[in-house]
Protein backbone atom coordinates (compact mmCIF):
# COMPACT_ATOMS: atom_id res chain seq x y z
CA MET A 1 5.39 -55.13 28.28
CA ARG A 2 3.12 -54.04 25.39
CA ARG A 3 1.91 -51.34 26.89
CA THR A 4 4.84 -49.72 27.89
CA VAL A 5 5.64 -49.63 23.89
CA ALA A 6 2.26 -48.24 23.13
CA ALA A 7 2.80 -45.22 25.64
CA ASN A 8 5.97 -44.54 24.65
CA ARG A 9 4.31 -44.71 20.85
CA TRP A 10 1.67 -41.55 21.82
CA ARG A 11 4.48 -39.79 24.08
CA MET A 12 6.80 -39.73 20.62
CA ALA A 13 3.91 -38.59 18.24
CA LEU A 14 2.79 -35.65 20.37
CA ARG A 15 6.29 -34.72 21.03
CA ALA A 16 6.62 -34.68 17.28
CA GLY A 17 3.15 -32.89 16.94
CA LEU A 18 3.94 -30.71 19.39
CA LEU A 19 6.78 -29.92 17.50
CA PHE A 20 5.02 -29.39 14.12
CA ALA A 21 2.53 -27.20 15.91
CA VAL A 22 5.02 -24.69 17.38
CA ALA A 23 6.78 -24.80 14.41
CA MET A 24 3.44 -23.75 11.82
CA LEU A 25 2.88 -21.45 14.58
CA LEU A 26 6.36 -19.38 14.22
CA GLY A 27 6.28 -19.46 10.47
CA GLY A 28 3.18 -17.54 10.91
CA CYS A 29 3.80 -14.89 12.55
CA LEU A 30 6.47 -14.26 9.62
CA VAL A 31 4.16 -13.62 7.67
CA PRO A 32 4.03 -9.91 6.13
CA ARG A 33 2.05 -7.26 6.71
CA GLU A 34 -1.06 -6.88 3.45
CA PRO A 35 0.86 -5.05 1.12
CA ALA A 36 0.03 -1.48 0.12
CA THR A 37 2.23 -0.77 -3.21
CA THR A 38 2.26 -2.68 -7.04
CA GLN A 39 5.88 -3.93 -5.83
CA ALA A 40 5.01 -4.88 -2.75
CA GLU A 41 1.91 -7.26 -4.44
CA THR A 42 5.07 -8.53 -6.08
CA THR A 43 7.12 -8.86 -3.45
CA PHE A 44 4.25 -10.76 -1.52
CA SER A 45 3.80 -13.37 -4.01
CA LEU A 46 7.19 -14.34 -3.83
CA TYR A 47 7.62 -14.54 -0.45
CA ILE A 48 4.04 -17.36 -0.06
CA LEU A 49 5.53 -19.04 -2.85
CA ILE A 50 8.57 -19.58 -1.04
CA LEU A 51 6.84 -20.02 2.17
CA VAL A 52 4.65 -22.80 0.54
CA MET A 53 7.51 -24.56 -0.82
CA ALA A 54 9.66 -24.15 2.02
CA GLY A 55 6.67 -26.10 4.01
CA ILE A 56 6.28 -28.82 1.19
CA VAL A 57 9.84 -29.53 1.72
CA PHE A 58 9.46 -29.36 5.64
CA VAL A 59 7.22 -31.84 5.54
CA GLY A 60 8.62 -34.04 3.52
CA VAL A 61 11.34 -34.29 5.04
CA GLU A 62 10.40 -34.44 8.76
CA GLY A 63 7.47 -36.32 7.91
CA PHE A 64 10.30 -39.01 6.38
CA ILE A 65 12.93 -38.79 9.14
CA VAL A 66 9.57 -39.75 11.47
CA PHE A 67 8.27 -42.78 9.26
CA SER A 68 11.97 -43.51 9.44
CA VAL A 69 11.95 -43.69 13.24
CA PHE A 70 8.56 -45.66 13.77
CA ARG A 71 9.55 -48.20 10.76
CA TYR A 72 13.43 -48.53 11.38
CA ARG A 73 13.55 -48.17 14.75
CA ARG A 74 15.69 -50.81 16.61
CA ARG A 75 13.70 -53.97 17.86
CA ASP A 76 16.93 -56.61 18.77
CA ASP A 77 20.66 -56.61 18.56
CA ARG A 78 20.99 -57.40 14.83
CA LEU A 79 22.50 -55.77 12.47
CA PRO A 80 20.54 -54.35 9.41
CA GLU A 81 20.52 -54.53 6.23
CA GLN A 82 23.38 -52.23 4.56
CA ILE A 83 22.73 -50.66 1.36
CA HIS A 84 26.20 -49.21 -0.38
CA GLY A 85 24.36 -46.63 -2.37
CA ASN A 86 21.34 -46.40 -4.74
CA ASN A 87 21.59 -45.07 -8.14
CA ARG A 88 17.94 -43.94 -8.59
CA ILE A 89 17.45 -42.62 -5.58
CA GLU A 90 20.51 -40.06 -5.55
CA VAL A 91 19.49 -39.05 -8.79
CA ILE A 92 16.16 -37.83 -7.19
CA TRP A 93 17.01 -36.18 -5.00
CA THR A 94 19.00 -34.50 -6.70
CA ILE A 95 16.68 -33.49 -9.30
CA ILE A 96 14.27 -32.36 -6.39
CA PRO A 97 16.24 -29.07 -4.43
CA THR A 98 17.24 -28.32 -8.08
CA VAL A 99 13.94 -27.84 -9.44
CA ILE A 100 13.07 -25.83 -6.78
CA VAL A 101 16.31 -23.61 -6.77
CA LEU A 102 15.20 -23.27 -10.45
CA ILE A 103 11.30 -22.45 -9.82
CA ILE A 104 12.47 -19.67 -6.85
CA PHE A 105 15.53 -18.34 -9.33
CA VAL A 106 13.03 -17.30 -12.31
CA PHE A 107 10.11 -16.41 -9.86
CA SER A 108 12.49 -14.23 -8.13
CA MET A 109 14.41 -12.36 -11.31
CA GLY A 110 10.92 -11.81 -12.52
CA ALA A 111 9.97 -10.00 -8.94
CA LEU A 112 13.06 -8.01 -9.04
CA GLY A 113 12.49 -6.98 -12.51
CA THR A 114 9.31 -5.48 -11.48
CA VAL A 115 10.35 -3.79 -8.36
CA GLN A 116 13.28 -1.78 -9.75
CA ALA A 117 11.66 -0.62 -12.91
CA LYS A 118 11.97 2.58 -13.63
CA SER A 119 8.66 5.02 -14.71
CA PRO A 120 10.15 7.02 -17.36
CA ASN A 121 7.85 9.78 -15.97
CA PRO A 122 7.00 9.73 -12.13
CA ALA A 123 3.54 11.48 -11.27
CA VAL A 124 5.89 12.75 -7.92
CA THR A 125 9.47 13.16 -7.16
CA VAL A 126 10.68 13.82 -3.71
CA GLU A 127 13.73 14.16 -2.50
CA VAL A 128 14.21 12.95 0.66
CA ASP A 129 16.99 13.68 2.84
CA ALA A 130 18.19 11.79 5.77
CA PHE A 131 20.31 12.87 8.50
CA GLN A 132 21.28 12.03 12.26
CA TRP A 133 18.66 11.53 13.65
CA GLN A 134 15.56 13.06 11.27
CA TRP A 135 14.23 13.33 7.78
CA THR A 136 13.69 16.24 5.08
CA PHE A 137 11.15 15.30 2.61
CA ARG A 138 11.20 18.28 -0.41
CA TYR A 139 9.00 18.67 -3.34
CA ARG A 140 10.25 20.11 -6.70
CA ASP A 141 8.05 22.67 -8.66
CA ASP A 142 7.32 20.91 -11.86
CA ASP A 143 8.49 24.52 -13.52
CA ASN A 144 11.89 24.07 -11.53
CA ASP A 145 10.78 27.67 -10.09
CA PRO A 146 12.12 27.68 -6.35
CA ASN A 147 9.67 29.89 -4.92
CA ASN A 148 7.07 26.72 -5.61
CA ASP A 149 9.03 24.32 -3.79
CA TYR A 150 7.34 22.72 -0.60
CA SER A 151 9.89 21.03 2.33
CA VAL A 152 8.97 19.48 5.74
CA THR A 153 11.74 18.36 8.76
CA GLY A 154 10.71 16.34 10.91
CA SER A 155 11.41 16.06 14.63
CA ALA A 156 11.65 13.31 17.41
CA GLN A 157 8.36 15.09 18.99
CA GLN A 158 7.05 15.33 15.76
CA PRO A 159 7.72 12.99 12.73
CA PRO A 160 7.73 14.18 9.28
CA VAL A 161 4.70 12.99 7.00
CA MET A 162 4.91 12.47 3.25
CA THR A 163 2.01 13.23 0.95
CA LEU A 164 1.54 11.22 -2.13
CA PRO A 165 -1.03 10.49 -4.19
CA VAL A 166 -2.16 6.70 -4.67
CA GLY A 167 -2.86 5.25 -8.28
CA GLN A 168 0.09 7.15 -9.37
CA PRO A 169 3.87 5.78 -9.88
CA ILE A 170 6.47 7.65 -6.93
CA ARG A 171 9.91 8.46 -7.37
CA LEU A 172 12.14 9.02 -4.33
CA VAL A 173 15.55 10.29 -4.90
CA LEU A 174 17.55 9.13 -1.56
CA HIS A 175 20.22 11.17 -0.15
CA SER A 176 22.10 11.15 3.22
CA LEU A 177 23.94 14.10 4.34
CA ASP A 178 25.72 12.19 6.87
CA VAL A 179 25.94 8.13 8.05
CA ILE A 180 24.33 5.49 5.74
CA HIS A 181 20.28 5.34 7.06
CA SER A 182 17.52 3.07 5.53
CA PHE A 183 13.99 4.10 3.95
CA TYR A 184 11.94 1.12 5.07
CA VAL A 185 7.86 1.07 5.34
CA PRO A 186 6.83 -1.97 6.27
CA GLN A 187 3.72 -1.70 3.93
CA PHE A 188 6.21 -1.75 1.37
CA LEU A 189 7.15 -4.95 1.33
CA ILE A 190 10.88 -3.07 0.68
CA LYS A 191 13.94 -0.76 2.06
CA GLU A 192 16.95 1.14 0.53
CA ASP A 193 19.23 2.50 1.59
CA VAL A 194 20.16 6.23 1.97
CA VAL A 195 24.01 6.33 1.16
CA PRO A 196 26.44 9.67 1.91
CA VAL A 197 27.49 9.70 -1.80
CA PRO A 198 30.78 12.46 -3.42
CA GLU A 199 29.11 15.17 -5.67
CA GLY A 200 28.13 14.01 -8.68
CA THR A 201 27.71 10.28 -8.08
CA ALA A 202 23.93 9.32 -8.58
CA ASP A 203 22.30 8.96 -5.50
CA ASN A 204 19.64 6.05 -4.82
CA GLU A 205 16.68 5.76 -6.23
CA LEU A 206 13.12 3.56 -5.28
CA GLU A 207 10.08 3.53 -6.98
CA PHE A 208 6.97 2.57 -6.15
CA THR A 209 2.86 2.54 -6.85
CA ILE A 210 0.62 2.78 -3.51
CA GLU A 211 -3.17 1.09 -4.68
CA ARG A 212 -4.99 2.63 -1.46
CA ALA A 213 -5.55 4.97 0.59
CA GLY A 214 -4.51 5.30 4.33
CA THR A 215 -1.57 5.74 6.47
CA TYR A 216 1.57 4.35 6.39
CA SER A 217 4.18 4.18 8.98
CA GLY A 218 8.12 4.15 8.29
CA GLN A 219 11.26 3.66 10.00
CA CYS A 220 14.91 4.09 9.78
CA ALA A 221 16.29 0.46 9.37
CA GLU A 222 19.96 0.85 9.70
CA PHE A 223 20.82 1.07 12.92
CA CYS A 224 22.93 5.34 12.35
CA GLY A 225 23.57 6.16 16.01
CA THR A 226 22.14 6.54 19.40
CA GLY A 227 19.16 8.13 18.14
CA HIS A 228 18.82 5.93 15.05
CA ALA A 229 14.84 5.12 17.19
CA ASN A 230 14.04 8.80 16.56
CA MET A 231 13.66 8.87 12.84
CA ALA A 232 10.32 7.43 12.43
CA PHE A 233 7.97 9.02 9.39
CA SER A 234 4.59 8.24 8.00
CA ILE A 235 3.44 8.68 4.15
CA GLN A 236 -0.17 9.22 3.57
CA ALA A 237 -1.60 8.21 0.67
CA MET A 238 -5.04 10.11 -0.62
CA GLU A 239 -6.62 10.10 -3.62
CA GLN A 240 -5.07 12.62 -6.88
CA ALA A 241 -7.65 15.53 -6.39
CA ASP A 242 -6.85 15.61 -2.79
CA TYR A 243 -3.27 15.72 -3.28
CA ASP A 244 -4.03 18.03 -5.63
CA ALA A 245 -5.19 20.76 -3.72
CA TRP A 246 -2.61 19.47 -0.28
CA ILE A 247 0.18 19.91 -2.78
CA ALA A 248 -1.62 23.93 -3.84
CA ALA A 249 -1.92 24.80 -0.14
CA ALA A 250 1.30 23.51 0.81
CA ARG A 251 2.81 25.38 -1.79
CA ALA A 252 1.42 28.65 -1.37
CA GLY A 253 1.85 29.05 2.47
CA GLU A 254 -1.53 27.70 3.68
CA SER A 255 -2.15 25.09 6.12
CA PRO A 256 -2.54 21.65 3.39
CA PRO A 257 -6.09 20.58 4.36
CA PRO A 258 -6.26 16.84 5.94
CA ALA A 259 -6.66 13.87 4.40
CA PRO A 260 -10.04 12.85 4.69
CA PRO A 261 -10.13 9.49 6.36
CA PRO A 262 -11.07 5.92 4.53
CA ALA A 263 -14.81 5.52 4.04
CA ASP A 264 -14.54 2.15 5.98
CA ALA A 265 -12.60 3.85 8.97
CA THR A 266 -13.55 2.79 12.28
CA VAL A 267 -15.35 5.60 14.26
CA ILE A 268 -14.98 5.64 17.83
CA GLU A 269 -17.08 7.40 20.02
CA LEU A 270 -16.10 9.28 23.38
CA ASN A 271 -17.25 12.11 25.88
CA ALA A 272 -16.42 13.82 28.36
CA LYS A 273 -18.48 15.14 31.51
CA ASN A 274 -17.73 16.29 35.08
CA ILE A 275 -13.89 16.31 34.20
CA ALA A 276 -13.47 12.73 33.02
CA PHE A 277 -13.79 10.65 29.96
CA ASP A 278 -16.75 8.29 29.57
CA THR A 279 -13.92 5.28 29.05
CA ASP A 280 -10.31 4.94 30.62
CA ARG A 281 -9.84 1.80 27.55
CA ILE A 282 -9.96 2.16 23.87
CA GLU A 283 -9.69 -0.43 21.28
CA VAL A 284 -8.89 0.64 17.82
CA PRO A 285 -7.57 -1.42 14.44
CA ALA A 286 -3.97 -1.25 14.15
CA GLY A 287 -2.35 -0.42 10.94
CA LYS A 288 -5.12 2.15 9.66
CA PRO A 289 -6.34 5.24 10.81
CA PHE A 290 -9.25 5.98 12.45
CA ILE A 291 -11.84 8.69 14.10
CA ILE A 292 -11.99 10.12 17.21
CA ARG A 293 -15.93 11.28 17.78
CA PHE A 294 -15.14 13.31 20.64
CA THR A 295 -18.03 14.93 22.25
CA ASN A 296 -17.85 17.78 25.21
CA GLN A 297 -20.91 17.58 27.28
CA GLU A 298 -20.04 20.22 29.47
CA ALA A 299 -18.41 24.51 29.16
CA VAL A 300 -14.74 23.19 29.51
CA PRO A 301 -12.80 23.24 27.15
CA HIS A 302 -11.30 19.76 26.54
CA ASN A 303 -9.49 17.52 24.39
CA VAL A 304 -8.27 14.50 22.88
CA GLY A 305 -4.22 13.61 22.68
CA ILE A 306 -2.84 10.09 22.35
CA TYR A 307 0.89 9.57 23.64
CA SER A 308 3.16 6.45 23.37
CA GLY A 309 6.06 6.74 26.43
CA GLY A 310 6.01 10.42 26.61
CA THR A 311 5.93 11.42 23.04
CA GLU A 312 2.88 12.98 21.19
CA LEU A 313 1.72 10.55 18.40
CA PHE A 314 -1.36 13.13 18.18
CA GLN A 315 -3.23 16.21 19.81
CA GLY A 316 -6.65 17.43 18.83
CA GLU A 317 -7.96 20.59 18.80
CA ASN A 318 -9.74 21.92 22.01
CA ILE A 319 -13.40 22.47 21.84
CA THR A 320 -15.60 23.87 24.40
CA GLY A 321 -19.44 22.45 25.33
CA PRO A 322 -22.14 22.32 26.00
CA ASP A 323 -22.85 19.53 23.58
CA THR A 324 -19.43 20.09 21.24
CA THR A 325 -18.80 17.41 18.96
CA VAL A 326 -15.96 17.08 16.71
CA ASP A 327 -14.27 14.11 14.67
CA TYR A 328 -10.17 13.77 14.94
CA GLN A 329 -8.61 11.82 12.22
CA VAL A 330 -5.79 9.65 13.73
CA PRO A 331 -3.30 8.26 12.16
CA ALA A 332 -2.69 4.69 12.09
CA LEU A 333 -0.96 3.44 15.28
CA GLU A 334 1.41 0.53 15.27
CA VAL A 335 0.12 -2.63 17.46
CA GLY A 336 0.63 -2.19 21.08
CA GLU A 337 -0.62 -0.01 24.11
CA TYR A 338 -0.82 3.79 23.97
CA ASP A 339 -2.36 6.35 26.84
CA PHE A 340 -4.77 9.35 25.91
CA LEU A 341 -5.90 12.18 27.66
CA CYS A 342 -6.92 15.86 27.79
CA THR A 343 -3.86 18.24 27.63
CA ILE A 344 -5.65 20.59 29.49
CA HIS A 345 -6.83 18.27 32.22
CA PRO A 346 -3.76 15.43 32.59
CA THR A 347 -6.50 13.55 35.16
CA MET A 348 -8.36 12.66 32.17
CA ASN A 349 -6.52 10.08 31.01
CA GLY A 350 -7.05 6.27 29.99
CA THR A 351 -5.24 3.45 27.72
CA LEU A 352 -6.02 3.40 23.74
CA VAL A 353 -4.92 -0.55 22.45
CA ALA A 354 -3.87 -0.80 19.15
CA GLN A 355 -4.39 -4.72 17.70
């Protein structure tokens, strides 16, 4: 009999442990990405504070439940001692959640003030037009000369890129040409609705300061119709000097120079010979730009393109060997599997894994 009781105790303890482990695992999956802006740092800190406090409450409540199950489980048919109220306990369980809510309220208001703060003189202002189902980014000239304005409009096959400097306050003026959209960049830890408003009504604005160079993927986060999934874009953040050169070239109608890769960018070696790549699998870090150092070892033109479900995400220039090498600077990719291939010889292909 004692062995059966002991076995039951172990089974109950194991189940409780498994439930706790699953809860911790699911909680870990909900931790947001590494923040990339000053405002995102504040949001991230608030998130961690709430997560820690919620974890303490969870452990305390669940621990007390488990303790009560074991300590006060029924051993016979006798009615346990009945307790009709306890003023001390009632005061304690009223004060504890009140203090928790007050702490969260104070820190939340502080974070909200930081996130919604407006700079009196942002370094760059970009007007963002959202429409079914793409984006237009417009850079107005500082001297209000319309001839120096520059804009880029995306397509489902070629999402637009918003180029911005790091370490400078950025202001986005968000306007919708049709329905409600939402401007969302996961690593900025904030999104802002893009709403159609009557003429003369102020548009929503979003301000942030990017802390480090890199490529950040974005998406419309408000279901806006059948082409909603095509409303992707990316933000290319670069140092101020590189941004100045980029915007000058763009306004002059020249091809803007590509952003330099980060110093710690991953370099992937890839070779082509006998109408084949030397590997059919490439692994790269997700969420970070990387370099494909491609060497064509034969006197036949080749290149490297990256695709997702038939949609082109990147295509490098054609090079002809023998022994010609080029560095392709590839923007950051989301976690997942992609196809890479030579667009001239599609039988040259493989799988690219971002993880």
